[in-house]
Structures are given as C-alpha cells and as structure tokens.
C-alpha cells in the first residue's frame, strides 16, 4: 500500500476543519435561537444559565 502524500494529507485536514467549524457554528446558533427571551423567563420559562 502506498503512503499518502503530504499535500493530500493537508487537503483532508482542511476539509475536516471546515466541517468542525460549521458544526460548531450551527450548534451555537441553535442554542442562541432557542434561548428564551426576558418576557418568557418572567412568565416562568426555564433559563439554563450558570450565574457567574
């Protein structure tokens, strides 16, 4: 079996980096989108935030 060339190895790594960044952005956006607003919190909705 042939070994993988450095150039092709970098192409695979850059592709994986793109998927990782996209996945992180989508998950952060979903958390932001479904976070309740202030009126919903005052009405009794749960607000999952750790007080600092």
Protein backbone atom coordinates (compact mmCIF):
# COMPACT_ATOMS: atom_id res chain seq x y z
CA UNK A 1 0.00 0.00 0.00
CA UNK A 2 1.29 3.49 -0.90
CA UNK A 3 1.71 6.17 1.72
CA UNK A 4 -0.36 9.32 1.49
CA UNK A 5 1.44 12.40 0.20
CA UNK A 6 1.76 15.46 2.44
CA UNK A 7 -0.30 17.63 0.07
CA UNK A 8 -3.25 15.24 0.07
CA UNK A 9 -2.93 14.87 3.83
CA UNK A 10 -3.29 18.65 4.21
CA UNK A 11 -6.35 18.67 1.93
CA UNK A 12 -8.07 16.06 4.10
CA UNK A 13 -7.17 18.03 7.24
CA UNK A 14 -8.54 21.31 5.84
CA UNK A 15 -11.77 19.58 4.84
CA UNK A 16 -12.23 18.21 8.34
CA UNK A 17 -11.54 21.67 9.82
CA UNK A 18 -14.33 23.12 7.69
CA UNK A 19 -16.84 20.55 8.92
CA UNK A 20 -15.78 21.10 12.53
CA UNK A 21 -16.19 24.88 12.27
CA UNK A 22 -19.56 24.54 10.54
CA UNK A 23 -20.81 22.09 13.17
CA UNK A 24 -19.72 24.41 15.97
CA UNK A 25 -21.41 27.41 14.37
CA UNK A 26 -24.68 25.57 13.86
CA UNK A 27 -24.78 24.22 17.41
CA UNK A 28 -24.03 27.67 18.88
CA UNK A 29 -26.69 29.25 16.68
CA UNK A 30 -29.29 26.70 17.79
CA UNK A 31 -28.56 27.38 21.47
CA UNK A 32 -28.85 31.14 20.85
CA UNK A 33 -32.04 30.77 18.78
CA UNK A 34 -33.91 28.62 21.31
CA UNK A 35 -32.83 30.58 24.38
CA UNK A 36 -35.92 32.18 25.95
CA UNK A 37 -36.26 35.95 25.97
CA UNK A 38 -36.78 38.07 29.08
CA UNK A 39 -40.59 38.00 28.93
CA UNK A 40 -40.63 34.22 28.69
CA UNK A 41 -38.29 33.95 31.68
CA UNK A 42 -40.51 36.26 33.72
CA UNK A 43 -43.50 34.13 32.74
CA UNK A 44 -41.84 31.06 34.27
CA UNK A 45 -39.80 29.56 31.45
CA UNK A 46 -36.55 27.85 32.40
CA UNK A 47 -33.34 29.72 31.70
CA UNK A 48 -30.33 27.40 31.71
CA UNK A 49 -27.54 29.82 32.55
CA UNK A 50 -24.93 29.44 35.21
CA UNK A 51 -24.63 32.66 37.20
CA UNK A 52 -21.07 33.89 37.28
